[in-house]
Amino acid sequence: MMQLHQDYNEFIKRDTEIVVLGPENAKAFKAYFEQNGLQFYGIPDEKHSVLDLYEQKVNLLKLGRMPAQMVIDKNGILRYVHYGNSMKDIPENVEILQLIDTL
């Protein structure tokens, strides 16, 4: 999330909203967003209903959900998906911004 936060204004310039879903409860999610001054949307998904819908991977050996990034266009069409194998396996913002520029 912090990587997205660093280039938040670049996403906004492209008329793009960032929405982060997480498996935490609402109170923990809100506290994390407030502590880190995150400006984008955060949606707690404690029951994992949306996370499961998009087939976000779980690795019990790594204690939970693996990162996933998706780009959904304004018509609701999934244009890009990346399922990471670890928290280090996240596309750079420049890659996502370039993709958005082509849509």
C-alpha atoms as a PDB file:
ATOM      1  CA  MET A   1       0.000   0.000   0.000  1.00  0.00           C
ATOM      2  CA  MET A   2       2.814   2.391   0.766  1.00  0.00           C
ATOM      3  CA  GLN A   3       4.166   1.999  -2.769  1.00  0.00           C
ATOM      4  CA  LEU A   4       0.814   3.118  -4.175  1.00  0.00           C
ATOM      5  CA  HIS A   5       0.734   5.974  -1.677  1.00  0.00           C
ATOM      6  CA  GLN A   6       4.089   7.294  -2.959  1.00  0.00           C
ATOM      7  CA  ASP A   7       2.683   7.908  -6.448  1.00  0.00           C
ATOM      8  CA  TYR A   8      -0.880   8.708  -5.451  1.00  0.00           C
ATOM      9  CA  ASN A   9      -0.872  12.020  -7.337  1.00  0.00           C
ATOM     10  CA  GLU A  10       0.245  10.280 -10.541  1.00  0.00           C
ATOM     11  CA  PHE A  11      -2.778   7.996 -10.337  1.00  0.00           C
ATOM     12  CA  ILE A  12      -5.078  10.962  -9.688  1.00  0.00           C
ATOM     13  CA  LYS A  13      -3.638  12.799 -12.725  1.00  0.00           C
ATOM     14  CA  ARG A  14      -4.786   9.802 -14.769  1.00  0.00           C
ATOM     15  CA  ASP A  15      -8.323   9.942 -13.335  1.00  0.00           C
ATOM     16  CA  THR A  16      -7.631   6.660 -11.554  1.00  0.00           C
ATOM     17  CA  GLU A  17      -8.871   5.700  -8.116  1.00  0.00           C
ATOM     18  CA  ILE A  18      -6.911   3.341  -5.894  1.00  0.00           C
ATOM     19  CA  VAL A  19      -8.987   0.920  -3.862  1.00  0.00           C
ATOM     20  CA  VAL A  20      -7.281  -1.415  -1.417  1.00  0.00           C
ATOM     21  CA  LEU A  21      -9.039  -4.429   0.024  1.00  0.00           C
ATOM     22  CA  GLY A  22      -7.646  -6.164   3.053  1.00  0.00           C
ATOM     23  CA  PRO A  23      -8.536  -9.115   5.246  1.00  0.00           C
ATOM     24  CA  GLU A  24      -8.442  -7.054   8.438  1.00  0.00           C
ATOM     25  CA  ASN A  25     -11.460  -5.911  10.392  1.00  0.00           C
ATOM     26  CA  ALA A  26     -12.752  -2.373   9.911  1.00  0.00           C
ATOM     27  CA  LYS A  27     -11.196  -0.988  13.104  1.00  0.00           C
ATOM     28  CA  ALA A  28      -7.692  -2.272  12.290  1.00  0.00           C
ATOM     29  CA  PHE A  29      -7.963  -1.194   8.669  1.00  0.00           C
ATOM     30  CA  LYS A  30      -9.066   2.324   9.627  1.00  0.00           C
ATOM     31  CA  ALA A  31      -6.266   2.639  12.176  1.00  0.00           C
ATOM     32  CA  TYR A  32      -3.641   1.599   9.595  1.00  0.00           C
ATOM     33  CA  PHE A  33      -4.947   4.108   7.053  1.00  0.00           C
ATOM     34  CA  GLU A  34      -5.007   6.915   9.610  1.00  0.00           C
ATOM     35  CA  GLN A  35      -1.536   6.110  10.997  1.00  0.00           C
ATOM     36  CA  ASN A  36      -0.030   6.144   7.512  1.00  0.00           C
ATOM     37  CA  GLY A  37      -1.991   9.072   6.081  1.00  0.00           C
ATOM     38  CA  LEU A  38      -3.263   7.032   3.139  1.00  0.00           C
ATOM     39  CA  GLN A  39      -5.474   9.108   0.850  1.00  0.00           C
ATOM     40  CA  PHE A  40      -7.062   6.369  -1.227  1.00  0.00           C
ATOM     41  CA  TYR A  41      -9.971   4.088  -0.451  1.00  0.00           C
ATOM     42  CA  GLY A  42      -9.608   1.152   1.896  1.00  0.00           C
ATOM     43  CA  ILE A  43     -12.216  -1.557   2.205  1.00  0.00           C
ATOM     44  CA  PRO A  44     -11.952  -4.155   4.941  1.00  0.00           C
ATOM     45  CA  ASP A  45     -12.969  -7.610   3.757  1.00  0.00           C
ATOM     46  CA  GLU A  46     -12.849  -9.527   7.015  1.00  0.00           C
ATOM     47  CA  LYS A  47     -14.992 -12.358   5.615  1.00  0.00           C
ATOM     48  CA  HIS A  48     -12.807 -12.495   2.460  1.00  0.00           C
ATOM     49  CA  SER A  49     -15.849 -12.459   0.186  1.00  0.00           C
ATOM     50  CA  VAL A  50     -14.376 -10.031  -2.380  1.00  0.00           C
ATOM     51  CA  LEU A  51     -10.837 -11.353  -1.986  1.00  0.00           C
ATOM     52  CA  ASP A  52     -12.109 -14.873  -2.701  1.00  0.00           C
ATOM     53  CA  LEU A  53     -14.184 -13.651  -5.644  1.00  0.00           C
ATOM     54  CA  TYR A  54     -11.011 -12.361  -7.305  1.00  0.00           C
ATOM     55  CA  GLU A  55      -9.128 -15.524  -6.260  1.00  0.00           C
ATOM     56  CA  GLN A  56      -6.475 -13.811  -4.191  1.00  0.00           C
ATOM     57  CA  LYS A  57      -4.036 -16.512  -3.110  1.00  0.00           C
ATOM     58  CA  VAL A  58      -3.449 -17.644   0.452  1.00  0.00           C
ATOM     59  CA  ASN A  59      -0.152 -19.093   1.657  1.00  0.00           C
ATOM     60  CA  LEU A  60      -0.359 -20.387   5.202  1.00  0.00           C
ATOM     61  CA  LEU A  61       3.435 -20.736   5.396  1.00  0.00           C
ATOM     62  CA  LYS A  62       3.711 -16.992   4.763  1.00  0.00           C
ATOM     63  CA  LEU A  63       0.922 -16.276   7.244  1.00  0.00           C
ATOM     64  CA  GLY A  64      -1.832 -15.128   4.979  1.00  0.00           C
ATOM     65  CA  ARG A  65      -2.863 -13.559   1.731  1.00  0.00           C
ATOM     66  CA  MET A  66      -0.404 -12.955  -1.055  1.00  0.00           C
ATOM     67  CA  PRO A  67      -0.415  -9.562  -2.756  1.00  0.00           C
ATOM     68  CA  ALA A  68      -2.609  -9.031  -5.793  1.00  0.00           C
ATOM     69  CA  GLN A  69      -2.922  -5.966  -7.980  1.00  0.00           C
ATOM     70  CA  MET A  70      -5.663  -5.413 -10.511  1.00  0.00           C
ATOM     71  CA  VAL A  71      -6.666  -2.680 -12.903  1.00  0.00           C
ATOM     72  CA  ILE A  72     -10.378  -2.453 -13.565  1.00  0.00           C
ATOM     73  CA  ASP A  73     -11.499   0.068 -16.154  1.00  0.00           C
ATOM     74  CA  LYS A  74     -14.458   2.437 -15.836  1.00  0.00           C
ATOM     75  CA  ASN A  75     -16.701  -0.139 -17.537  1.00  0.00           C
ATOM     76  CA  GLY A  76     -15.894  -2.687 -14.834  1.00  0.00           C
ATOM     77  CA  ILE A  77     -13.666  -4.790 -17.089  1.00  0.00           C
ATOM     78  CA  LEU A  78     -10.633  -6.398 -15.483  1.00  0.00           C
ATOM     79  CA  ARG A  79      -7.734  -5.206 -17.661  1.00  0.00           C
ATOM     80  CA  TYR A  80      -4.741  -6.413 -15.653  1.00  0.00           C
ATOM     81  CA  VAL A  81      -4.055  -8.771 -12.786  1.00  0.00           C
ATOM     82  CA  HIS A  82      -0.857  -9.687 -10.987  1.00  0.00           C
ATOM     83  CA  TYR A  83      -0.825 -12.300  -8.250  1.00  0.00           C
ATOM     84  CA  GLY A  84       2.373 -11.976  -6.222  1.00  0.00           C
ATOM     85  CA  ASN A  85       4.275 -14.763  -4.513  1.00  0.00           C
ATOM     86  CA  SER A  86       5.485 -12.496  -1.713  1.00  0.00           C
ATOM     87  CA  MET A  87       5.317  -8.871  -0.620  1.00  0.00           C
ATOM     88  CA  LYS A  88       8.469  -8.279  -2.698  1.00  0.00           C
ATOM     89  CA  ASP A  89       6.634  -9.480  -5.810  1.00  0.00           C
ATOM     90  CA  ILE A  90       4.628  -6.350  -6.564  1.00  0.00           C
ATOM     91  CA  PRO A  91       4.792  -4.499  -9.902  1.00  0.00           C
ATOM     92  CA  GLU A  92       6.398  -1.070  -9.814  1.00  0.00           C
ATOM     93  CA  ASN A  93       3.985   1.850 -10.000  1.00  0.00           C
ATOM     94  CA  VAL A  94       5.530   2.970 -13.290  1.00  0.00           C
ATOM     95  CA  GLU A  95       4.410  -0.328 -14.873  1.00  0.00           C
ATOM     96  CA  ILE A  96       0.843   0.147 -13.681  1.00  0.00           C
ATOM     97  CA  LEU A  97       0.808   3.814 -14.711  1.00  0.00           C
ATOM     98  CA  GLN A  98       2.036   2.922 -18.209  1.00  0.00           C
ATOM     99  CA  LEU A  99      -0.736   0.357 -18.491  1.00  0.00           C
ATOM    100  CA  ILE A 100      -3.320   2.940 -17.423  1.00  0.00           C
ATOM    101  CA  ASP A 101      -1.960   5.324 -20.064  1.00  0.00           C
ATOM    102  CA  THR A 102      -2.775   2.761 -22.761  1.00  0.00           C
ATOM    103  CA  LEU A 103      -6.412   2.311 -21.704  1.00  0.00           C
END
